[in-house]
């Protein structure tokens, strides 16, 4: 459960925020003075902080500065009753997550806190390269880039080479290949790792809002700009910004981004003061930027400035040998989440997943694992538990051993059972008949035809199964 620390000396505000935001996913803890809030932060380690600018002992700005000395990655939201307060602006320039005007819009606050908690999780959750061995110290507290194929080994080498170098990086790959995870790994292994990492999806924000989001704006810069806004390039100075889907950035925003890359300088919208910053940019796209340059859809100078170091992320279909390891990794996490710690993959299910092309890449695989974990009644996950589309290219090989049958035989042998031949045949027949009848909605004639036996034989096998006390249930 995520935690939010609220620091304010007005009891009614603390009560209102606690009652409004507390949920099964968020715990709200409070403090009425700055020093009490700092101590509660040390004790509770909340995911995000909401602090009033005016407190009875020290200012909210002092609280923010001390919290960032403890952990520069914690998102801090400033509250103020004064729309033109210089303190709130200064806090934003120093890296505060956002500031809100009192009286606080509770709907806006809820959305902002959700974003802050998400950013905090992204900043504090480690990214590791999967070694194939369990990490006893971190367990599942880290996210892993999984894969031991040759293309993944080359990817790891690229991350290791570029991470310490303070240069711009472009991640090229299809949707769902894990570009944000790789960007976080580069940041984590860089000299900026103690500073914040922020992801901005250029395709998810309109052209006008994206420029304001990145560069900020002055009061009166456009209709609705009733106060100065500090942009992400200024706010995150010292850290790393991940610009996802940079191919969707407008030409005007591209021009300002080019100057930022070249000189680390820019102006806010509606302003003429040059702002100096210090950010590392990692850009990502699933488009062919070179082809876009040829079609005059992307600036050539920005393309050359960005493409100093490009990392290509392979699609999952080019590394199908990694599918079992990735599937097992996702299942380990989900098994604990769903309270099914004994869930495991059968060899047949893993082979079925390796026969699929995964157009949605790792993201699609993660969704398929979740589907299978929910869709499985017992502990073993068979191909039938997977989403139907994942079986589109899967064909049963009649010459392949069936591991579930081998497992059953081995179980009977280990238990010292006798009459194993009859029991195994009975089990297989029972499964065959039950599955065929379910497939034909109980139509015995149709089931018999699909099985290649007579309807009379099918009825006889059913009676034998029902009358045999040792027969396993289907």
Protein backbone atom coordinates (compact mmCIF):
# COMPACT_ATOMS: atom_id res chain seq x y z
CA UNK A 1 0.00 0.00 0.00
CA UNK A 2 1.29 3.45 -0.95
CA UNK A 3 1.66 6.19 1.68
CA UNK A 4 1.03 9.93 1.46
CA UNK A 5 2.35 12.31 4.14
CA UNK A 6 0.31 15.52 4.55
CA UNK A 7 1.89 18.39 6.53
CA UNK A 8 -0.44 21.30 7.44
CA UNK A 9 -1.27 23.17 10.64
CA UNK A 10 -5.00 23.39 9.82
CA UNK A 11 -6.76 20.40 11.39
CA UNK A 12 -9.78 20.65 9.10
CA UNK A 13 -7.57 20.41 6.00
CA UNK A 14 -5.75 17.38 7.38
CA UNK A 15 -9.08 15.72 8.19
CA UNK A 16 -10.62 16.50 4.77
CA UNK A 17 -7.62 15.23 2.81
CA UNK A 18 -7.30 12.10 4.94
CA UNK A 19 -10.99 11.27 4.54
CA UNK A 20 -11.00 12.02 0.82
CA UNK A 21 -7.82 10.25 -0.29
CA UNK A 22 -7.58 7.26 2.06
CA UNK A 23 -8.35 4.00 0.27
CA UNK A 24 -7.31 0.37 0.10
CA UNK A 25 -4.42 1.48 -2.12
CA UNK A 26 -3.36 4.64 -0.27
CA UNK A 27 -2.67 5.31 3.41
CA UNK A 28 -2.67 8.97 4.50
CA UNK A 29 -0.50 10.01 7.46
CA UNK A 30 -0.46 13.56 8.83
CA UNK A 31 1.68 16.08 10.71
CA UNK A 32 0.82 19.59 11.92
CA UNK A 33 4.33 21.10 12.00
CA UNK A 34 7.32 21.05 9.69
CA UNK A 35 9.64 19.30 12.12
CA UNK A 36 7.02 16.71 12.99
CA UNK A 37 6.54 16.09 9.26
CA UNK A 38 10.26 15.57 8.68
CA UNK A 39 10.41 13.08 11.56
CA UNK A 40 7.33 11.24 10.27
CA UNK A 41 8.99 11.05 6.87
CA UNK A 42 12.07 9.45 8.42
CA UNK A 43 9.90 6.98 10.35
CA UNK A 44 7.28 6.12 7.72
CA UNK A 45 9.15 6.55 4.39
CA UNK A 46 6.03 7.70 2.49
CA UNK A 47 5.82 7.56 -1.30
CA UNK A 48 4.81 11.21 -1.69
CA UNK A 49 4.48 14.35 0.45
CA UNK A 50 1.92 17.19 0.43
CA UNK A 51 3.09 20.23 2.45
CA UNK A 52 1.67 23.69 3.10
CA UNK A 53 4.04 26.57 2.41
CA UNK A 54 3.20 28.26 5.75
CA UNK A 55 3.75 26.26 8.93
CA UNK A 56 4.04 27.37 12.57
CA UNK A 57 7.71 26.43 13.06
CA UNK A 58 9.53 26.32 9.69
CA UNK A 59 8.38 27.03 6.15
CA UNK A 60 7.17 24.42 3.74
CA UNK A 61 10.11 25.34 1.51
CA UNK A 62 12.50 24.45 4.35
CA UNK A 63 10.67 21.16 4.80
CA UNK A 64 10.99 20.46 1.08
CA UNK A 65 14.73 21.19 1.08
CA UNK A 66 15.36 18.93 4.09
CA UNK A 67 13.29 16.11 2.59
CA UNK A 68 15.25 16.34 -0.65
CA UNK A 69 18.49 16.15 1.31
CA UNK A 70 17.19 12.86 2.72
CA UNK A 71 15.88 11.61 -0.65
CA UNK A 72 15.97 13.75 -3.80
CA UNK A 73 13.60 11.34 -5.55
CA UNK A 74 10.55 11.79 -3.29
CA UNK A 75 7.77 13.78 -5.02
CA UNK A 76 6.77 16.80 -2.91
CA UNK A 77 3.59 18.77 -3.69
CA UNK A 78 3.47 22.32 -2.30
CA UNK A 79 0.19 23.93 -1.15
CA UNK A 80 -0.17 27.69 -0.96
CA UNK A 81 -2.96 30.19 -0.41
CA UNK A 82 -1.13 32.82 -2.46
CA UNK A 83 -1.26 32.48 -6.25
CA UNK A 84 1.84 34.60 -6.84
CA UNK A 85 4.02 33.31 -4.04
CA UNK A 86 7.71 33.27 -4.97
CA UNK A 87 8.34 30.43 -2.52
CA UNK A 88 6.16 28.00 -4.46
CA UNK A 89 7.91 28.94 -7.71
CA UNK A 90 11.29 28.53 -6.06
CA UNK A 91 10.26 25.11 -4.79
CA UNK A 92 9.27 24.05 -8.31
CA UNK A 93 12.58 25.27 -9.71
CA UNK A 94 14.32 23.22 -7.02
CA UNK A 95 12.49 20.06 -8.03
CA UNK A 96 9.11 20.08 -6.26
CA UNK A 97 6.59 17.87 -8.05
CA UNK A 98 3.83 20.51 -8.30
CA UNK A 99 2.13 23.24 -6.35
CA UNK A 100 -1.58 23.75 -5.66
CA UNK A 101 -3.60 26.79 -4.70
CA UNK A 102 -5.87 26.76 -1.67
CA UNK A 103 -8.71 26.01 -1.38
CA UNK A 104 -7.51 22.74 -2.90
CA UNK A 105 -9.53 21.15 -5.69
CA UNK A 106 -9.87 17.63 -4.27
CA UNK A 107 -10.37 16.04 -7.70
CA UNK A 108 -7.18 17.67 -8.99
CA UNK A 109 -5.38 16.68 -5.78
CA UNK A 110 -6.41 13.04 -6.10
CA UNK A 111 -5.13 12.89 -9.67
CA UNK A 112 -1.89 14.63 -8.73
CA UNK A 113 -1.23 12.31 -5.79
CA UNK A 114 -1.81 9.27 -8.02
CA UNK A 115 0.77 10.63 -10.47
CA UNK A 116 3.23 11.40 -7.65
CA UNK A 117 2.92 7.88 -6.19
CA UNK A 118 3.47 6.39 -9.65
CA UNK A 119 6.56 8.55 -10.24
CA UNK A 120 7.88 7.66 -6.78
CA UNK A 121 7.49 3.93 -7.48
CA UNK A 122 9.30 4.34 -10.80
CA UNK A 123 12.16 6.26 -9.15
CA UNK A 124 12.63 3.90 -6.22
CA UNK A 125 12.07 0.51 -7.85
CA UNK A 126 15.42 -0.85 -8.99
CA UNK A 127 16.02 -2.13 -12.50
CA UNK A 128 18.27 -5.17 -12.65
CA UNK A 129 19.66 -7.36 -15.38
CA UNK A 130 18.39 -10.89 -14.77
CA UNK A 131 21.28 -13.18 -13.94
CA UNK A 132 19.15 -16.30 -13.87
CA UNK A 133 19.69 -16.63 -10.13
CA UNK A 134 17.22 -15.45 -7.43
CA UNK A 135 18.12 -12.19 -5.70
CA UNK A 136 17.77 -13.03 -2.03
CA UNK A 137 18.34 -9.45 -0.94
CA UNK A 138 15.92 -7.65 -3.25
CA UNK A 139 13.45 -10.43 -4.09
CA UNK A 140 10.61 -8.95 -6.11
CA UNK A 141 11.35 -5.37 -4.98
CA UNK A 142 13.22 -4.90 -8.24
CA UNK A 143 12.14 -5.02 -11.87
CA UNK A 144 14.22 -7.19 -14.15
CA UNK A 145 15.22 -7.04 -17.78
CA UNK A 146 15.02 -10.75 -18.54
CA UNK A 147 16.71 -12.68 -21.33
CA UNK A 148 19.93 -14.54 -22.08
CA UNK A 149 19.76 -14.64 -25.89
CA UNK A 150 22.54 -13.16 -27.98
CA UNK A 151 20.52 -10.07 -28.91
CA UNK A 152 19.84 -9.40 -25.23
CA UNK A 153 23.49 -9.83 -24.34
CA UNK A 154 24.28 -7.14 -26.90
CA UNK A 155 21.58 -4.93 -25.35
CA UNK A 156 23.15 -5.31 -21.89
CA UNK A 157 26.54 -4.35 -23.29
CA UNK A 158 25.05 -1.23 -24.88
CA UNK A 159 23.43 -0.19 -21.58
CA UNK A 160 26.73 -0.70 -19.78
CA UNK A 161 28.67 1.34 -22.34
CA UNK A 162 26.34 4.34 -22.56
CA UNK A 163 25.04 4.65 -18.98
CA UNK A 164 28.18 6.31 -17.49
CA UNK A 165 28.54 8.68 -20.46
CA UNK A 166 26.41 11.81 -20.10
CA UNK A 167 25.12 11.71 -23.69
CA UNK A 168 21.70 11.67 -25.31
CA UNK A 169 20.38 8.19 -26.14
CA UNK A 170 17.69 7.06 -28.58
CA UNK A 171 15.88 3.79 -27.92
CA UNK A 172 14.41 2.33 -31.11
CA UNK A 173 11.93 -0.51 -30.84
CA UNK A 174 8.39 -1.69 -31.34
CA UNK A 175 5.64 -0.99 -28.83
CA UNK A 176 5.91 -3.26 -25.79
CA UNK A 177 9.63 -4.07 -26.07
CA UNK A 178 10.46 -2.39 -22.74
CA UNK A 179 11.92 0.95 -23.78
CA UNK A 180 11.03 2.70 -20.51
CA UNK A 181 12.62 -0.10 -18.47
CA UNK A 182 15.84 0.22 -20.48
CA UNK A 183 15.76 4.02 -20.04
CA UNK A 184 15.46 3.58 -16.29
CA UNK A 185 18.35 1.13 -16.30
CA UNK A 186 20.54 3.66 -18.12
CA UNK A 187 19.60 6.32 -15.56
CA UNK A 188 20.16 3.96 -12.63
CA UNK A 189 23.69 3.07 -13.76
CA UNK A 190 24.58 6.70 -14.54
CA UNK A 191 26.14 9.43 -12.39
CA UNK A 192 22.66 10.99 -12.12
CA UNK A 193 21.14 7.95 -10.38
CA UNK A 194 20.58 9.82 -7.09
CA UNK A 195 18.48 12.42 -8.94
CA UNK A 196 14.92 11.99 -10.25
CA UNK A 197 13.92 10.17 -13.43
CA UNK A 198 10.80 11.42 -15.20
CA UNK A 199 8.95 9.90 -18.16
CA UNK A 200 6.90 12.04 -20.55
CA UNK A 201 4.79 10.43 -23.28
CA UNK A 202 4.86 12.87 -26.21
CA UNK A 203 2.00 11.06 -27.94
CA UNK A 204 -0.34 11.25 -24.95
CA UNK A 205 -0.25 15.05 -24.58
CA UNK A 206 -1.62 17.56 -27.09
CA UNK A 207 0.84 19.74 -29.01
CA UNK A 208 0.03 22.94 -27.09
CA UNK A 209 0.11 21.28 -23.68
CA UNK A 210 3.32 19.33 -24.38
CA UNK A 211 5.34 22.49 -24.97
CA UNK A 212 4.05 24.00 -21.73
CA UNK A 213 4.65 20.70 -19.90
CA UNK A 214 8.28 20.55 -21.00
CA UNK A 215 9.31 24.23 -21.02
CA UNK A 216 6.77 25.86 -18.72
CA UNK A 217 4.98 29.16 -19.32
CA UNK A 218 4.64 32.65 -17.92
CA UNK A 219 1.43 34.05 -16.55
CA UNK A 220 -0.74 35.32 -19.41
CA UNK A 221 1.18 33.37 -22.08
CA UNK A 222 -2.12 32.03 -23.41
CA UNK A 223 -5.77 31.82 -22.43
CA UNK A 224 -6.03 30.07 -19.09
CA UNK A 225 -2.40 30.67 -18.09
CA UNK A 226 -3.32 32.46 -14.85
CA UNK A 227 -0.05 31.66 -13.12
CA UNK A 228 3.54 30.82 -13.97
CA UNK A 229 4.27 27.15 -14.58
CA UNK A 230 7.68 25.55 -14.21
CA UNK A 231 8.33 23.04 -16.98
CA UNK A 232 9.81 19.56 -16.59
CA UNK A 233 13.16 20.54 -18.12
CA UNK A 234 13.59 23.14 -15.39
CA UNK A 235 12.01 21.12 -12.60
CA UNK A 236 14.06 17.98 -13.16
CA UNK A 237 17.45 19.73 -13.52
CA UNK A 238 20.21 17.34 -12.51
CA UNK A 239 18.17 14.28 -13.40
CA UNK A 240 17.05 12.38 -16.49
CA UNK A 241 14.00 12.92 -18.71
CA UNK A 242 12.66 10.07 -20.82
CA UNK A 243 10.80 11.39 -23.88
CA UNK A 244 8.72 8.47 -25.09
CA UNK A 245 7.31 8.48 -28.64
CA UNK A 246 9.44 11.49 -29.64
CA UNK A 247 8.38 10.94 -33.25
CA UNK A 248 5.00 12.46 -32.30
CA UNK A 249 6.55 15.75 -31.17
CA UNK A 250 5.50 18.83 -33.19
CA UNK A 251 8.00 20.77 -35.31
CA UNK A 252 7.90 23.82 -33.00
CA UNK A 253 8.58 21.70 -29.90
CA UNK A 254 11.35 19.92 -31.82
CA UNK A 255 13.02 23.30 -32.49
CA UNK A 256 13.03 24.25 -28.81
CA UNK A 257 14.22 20.76 -27.86
CA UNK A 258 17.15 21.10 -30.27
CA UNK A 259 18.37 24.24 -28.51
CA UNK A 260 17.98 22.51 -25.16
CA UNK A 261 20.09 19.58 -26.35
CA UNK A 262 22.78 21.84 -27.77
CA UNK A 263 23.03 24.50 -25.04
CA UNK A 264 20.87 23.28 -22.11
CA UNK A 265 18.95 26.56 -22.45
CA UNK A 266 15.36 27.54 -23.24
CA UNK A 267 12.65 30.12 -22.55
CA UNK A 268 9.28 29.50 -21.01
CA UNK A 269 6.26 30.09 -23.24
CA UNK A 270 5.41 33.78 -23.19
CA UNK A 271 8.75 34.68 -21.61
CA UNK A 272 12.07 36.09 -22.80
CA UNK A 273 14.28 35.10 -19.88
CA UNK A 274 16.78 32.38 -20.76
CA UNK A 275 16.62 29.45 -18.37
CA UNK A 276 19.72 27.31 -17.82
CA UNK A 277 19.19 23.69 -16.90
CA UNK A 278 21.09 20.39 -16.71
CA UNK A 279 19.14 17.37 -17.87
CA UNK A 280 20.01 14.17 -19.67
CA UNK A 281 17.55 13.19 -22.38
CA UNK A 282 16.74 9.62 -23.30
CA UNK A 283 14.33 9.52 -26.24
CA UNK A 284 12.34 6.57 -27.55
CA UNK A 285 10.29 5.85 -30.63
CA UNK A 286 8.66 2.99 -32.50
CA UNK A 287 8.86 4.97 -35.74
CA UNK A 288 11.59 5.22 -38.36
CA UNK A 289 12.95 8.71 -37.64
CA UNK A 290 15.21 8.66 -40.69
CA UNK A 291 12.24 8.01 -42.96
CA UNK A 292 10.34 10.79 -41.18
CA UNK A 293 13.22 13.19 -41.90
CA UNK A 294 13.02 12.29 -45.59
CA UNK A 295 9.27 13.07 -45.53
CA UNK A 296 9.94 16.37 -43.71
CA UNK A 297 8.02 15.11 -40.67
CA UNK A 298 11.00 15.31 -38.31
CA UNK A 299 13.78 17.90 -38.13
CA UNK A 300 17.00 16.67 -39.68
CA UNK A 301 19.21 18.64 -37.26
CA UNK A 302 17.36 17.22 -34.24
CA UNK A 303 17.61 13.71 -35.71
CA UNK A 304 21.40 13.98 -36.02
CA UNK A 305 21.66 15.56 -32.55
CA UNK A 306 19.62 12.75 -31.02
CA UNK A 307 21.13 9.80 -32.84
CA UNK A 308 24.62 10.01 -31.39
CA UNK A 309 23.98 6.72 -29.61
CA UNK A 310 21.06 4.54 -30.66
CA UNK A 311 20.04 1.29 -28.98
CA UNK A 312 17.77 -1.09 -30.89
CA UNK A 313 15.44 -3.17 -28.71
CA UNK A 314 14.67 -6.53 -30.33
CA UNK A 315 11.06 -7.66 -30.77
CA UNK A 316 10.12 -10.74 -28.79
CA UNK A 317 9.69 -12.83 -31.96
CA UNK A 318 13.44 -12.44 -32.54
CA UNK A 319 14.28 -13.94 -29.15
CA UNK A 320 11.68 -16.64 -28.57
CA UNK A 321 14.23 -18.65 -26.59
CA UNK A 322 13.79 -16.02 -23.84
CA UNK A 323 10.01 -16.55 -23.60
CA UNK A 324 10.11 -19.32 -20.91
CA UNK A 325 12.37 -17.25 -18.63
CA UNK A 326 10.22 -14.13 -19.03
CA UNK A 327 7.00 -16.11 -18.47
CA UNK A 328 8.40 -17.70 -15.31
CA UNK A 329 9.52 -14.28 -14.04
CA UNK A 330 6.06 -12.74 -14.52
CA UNK A 331 4.34 -15.78 -13.01
CA UNK A 332 6.50 -15.60 -9.89
CA UNK A 333 5.27 -12.06 -9.24
CA UNK A 334 1.63 -12.81 -10.06
CA UNK A 335 1.54 -16.04 -8.03
CA UNK A 336 2.24 -14.06 -4.87
CA UNK A 337 -0.18 -11.29 -5.86
CA UNK A 338 -3.03 -13.75 -6.44
CA UNK A 339 -2.21 -15.87 -3.39
CA UNK A 340 -1.25 -18.89 -5.53
CA UNK A 341 2.43 -19.41 -4.65
CA UNK A 342 2.48 -22.96 -6.05
CA UNK A 343 1.53 -22.02 -9.63
CA UNK A 344 3.89 -23.39 -12.25
CA UNK A 345 4.16 -23.73 -16.03
CA UNK A 346 3.89 -27.08 -17.74
CA UNK A 347 6.37 -27.73 -20.52
CA UNK A 348 3.50 -27.86 -23.01
CA UNK A 349 2.38 -24.32 -22.08
CA UNK A 350 5.90 -22.95 -22.44
CA UNK A 351 6.28 -24.64 -25.82
CA UNK A 352 2.93 -23.19 -26.91
CA UNK A 353 4.08 -19.67 -25.98
CA UNK A 354 7.32 -20.16 -27.89
CA UNK A 355 5.34 -20.95 -31.03
CA UNK A 356 3.56 -17.56 -30.96
CA UNK A 357 4.97 -14.42 -32.66
CA UNK A 358 3.94 -11.94 -29.89
CA UNK A 359 3.06 -8.85 -31.97
CA UNK A 360 2.57 -6.94 -28.70
CA UNK A 361 5.99 -8.08 -27.47
CA UNK A 362 6.81 -8.33 -23.75
CA UNK A 363 3.77 -6.25 -22.78
CA UNK A 364 1.48 -8.76 -24.50
CA UNK A 365 3.32 -11.64 -22.84
CA UNK A 366 2.81 -10.06 -19.41
CA UNK A 367 -0.94 -9.80 -20.08
CA UNK A 368 -1.06 -13.40 -21.29
CA UNK A 369 0.65 -14.62 -18.11
CA UNK A 370 -1.89 -12.74 -16.00
CA UNK A 371 -4.74 -14.24 -18.04
CA UNK A 372 -3.33 -17.74 -17.57
CA UNK A 373 -2.80 -17.26 -13.82
CA UNK A 374 -6.45 -16.23 -13.40
CA UNK A 375 -7.79 -18.85 -15.85
CA UNK A 376 -6.06 -21.83 -14.18
CA UNK A 377 -7.99 -23.83 -11.60
CA UNK A 378 -5.14 -25.96 -10.24
CA UNK A 379 -1.46 -25.27 -9.77
CA UNK A 380 -0.29 -26.37 -13.23
CA UNK A 381 -0.76 -24.06 -16.20
CA UNK A 382 -1.49 -25.94 -19.45
CA UNK A 383 -1.92 -24.51 -22.98
CA UNK A 384 -5.70 -24.44 -22.48
CA UNK A 385 -5.23 -21.74 -19.81
CA UNK A 386 -3.60 -19.31 -22.28
CA UNK A 387 -5.48 -16.69 -24.30
CA UNK A 388 -6.82 -18.29 -27.53
CA UNK A 389 -4.74 -16.03 -29.78
CA UNK A 390 -1.55 -17.36 -28.20
CA UNK A 391 -2.42 -20.84 -29.50
CA UNK A 392 -2.99 -19.75 -33.11
CA UNK A 393 0.35 -21.16 -34.26
CA UNK A 394 0.57 -24.02 -31.77
CA UNK A 395 0.29 -27.53 -33.12
CA UNK A 396 0.36 -30.69 -31.02
CA UNK A 397 3.16 -33.00 -32.13
CA UNK A 398 1.99 -36.60 -31.88
CA UNK A 399 5.58 -37.76 -31.44
CA UNK A 400 6.14 -35.53 -28.42
CA UNK A 401 5.90 -37.00 -24.92
CA UNK A 402 3.09 -35.58 -22.83
CA UNK A 403 4.74 -34.27 -19.65
CA UNK A 404 1.49 -34.30 -17.62
CA UNK A 405 1.12 -38.05 -18.29
CA UNK A 406 4.77 -38.65 -17.42
CA UNK A 407 4.28 -36.66 -14.21
CA UNK A 408 1.26 -38.84 -13.29
CA UNK A 409 3.18 -42.06 -13.99
CA UNK A 410 6.11 -40.86 -11.91
CA UNK A 411 3.74 -39.91 -9.07
CA UNK A 412 2.22 -43.42 -9.02
CA UNK A 413 5.68 -45.01 -9.06
CA UNK A 414 6.89 -42.79 -6.22
CA UNK A 415 3.82 -43.73 -4.15
CA UNK A 416 4.50 -47.44 -4.66
CA UNK A 417 1.19 -48.00 -6.51
CA UNK A 418 0.40 -51.20 -8.42
CA UNK A 419 -1.76 -51.76 -11.50
CA UNK A 420 -0.25 -48.57 -12.96
CA UNK A 421 -0.97 -49.46 -16.60
CA UNK A 422 -4.73 -49.68 -16.03
CA UNK A 423 -4.82 -46.51 -13.93
CA UNK A 424 -2.93 -44.46 -16.52
CA UNK A 425 -5.07 -45.73 -19.41
CA UNK A 426 -8.19 -45.05 -17.34
CA UNK A 427 -7.06 -41.50 -16.61
CA UNK A 428 -6.23 -40.73 -20.23
CA UNK A 429 -9.55 -42.19 -21.45
CA UNK A 430 -11.46 -40.23 -18.82
CA UNK A 431 -9.78 -36.98 -19.86
CA UNK A 432 -10.39 -37.71 -23.55
CA UNK A 433 -14.08 -38.45 -23.10
CA UNK A 434 -14.75 -35.56 -20.73
CA UNK A 435 -12.94 -33.04 -22.96
CA UNK A 436 -14.68 -34.26 -26.13
CA UNK A 437 -18.12 -34.08 -24.50
CA UNK A 438 -17.45 -30.56 -23.24
CA UNK A 439 -16.30 -29.54 -26.71
CA UNK A 440 -19.52 -30.92 -28.28
CA UNK A 441 -21.77 -29.57 -25.49
CA UNK A 442 -22.67 -33.09 -24.35
CA UNK A 443 -23.53 -34.47 -27.79
CA UNK A 444 -22.41 -38.10 -27.56
CA UNK A 445 -22.69 -38.82 -31.27
CA UNK A 446 -20.56 -35.81 -32.21
CA UNK A 447 -18.03 -36.59 -29.46
CA UNK A 448 -17.71 -40.20 -30.61
CA UNK A 449 -17.11 -39.06 -34.20
CA UNK A 450 -14.40 -36.63 -33.09
CA UNK A 451 -12.73 -39.37 -31.00
CA UNK A 452 -12.97 -41.92 -33.84
CA UNK A 453 -14.94 -44.47 -31.84
CA UNK A 454 -18.52 -45.68 -31.91
CA UNK A 455 -21.23 -44.09 -29.77
CA UNK A 456 -21.70 -47.47 -28.05
CA UNK A 457 -17.98 -47.63 -27.15
CA UNK A 458 -18.15 -44.10 -25.79
CA UNK A 459 -21.11 -45.03 -23.55
CA UNK A 460 -19.29 -48.17 -22.39
CA UNK A 461 -16.14 -46.21 -21.49
CA UNK A 462 -18.25 -43.72 -19.55
CA UNK A 463 -19.90 -46.52 -17.51
CA UNK A 464 -16.53 -48.15 -16.79
CA UNK A 465 -15.14 -44.86 -15.56
CA UNK A 466 -18.16 -44.24 -13.32
CA UNK A 467 -18.15 -47.77 -11.86
CA UNK A 468 -14.38 -47.96 -11.16
CA UNK A 469 -13.69 -46.70 -7.60
CA UNK A 470 -9.99 -46.22 -8.42
CA UNK A 471 -10.65 -44.24 -11.57
CA UNK A 472 -9.27 -40.71 -11.34
CA UNK A 473 -11.71 -37.89 -11.84
CA UNK A 474 -11.43 -36.14 -15.16
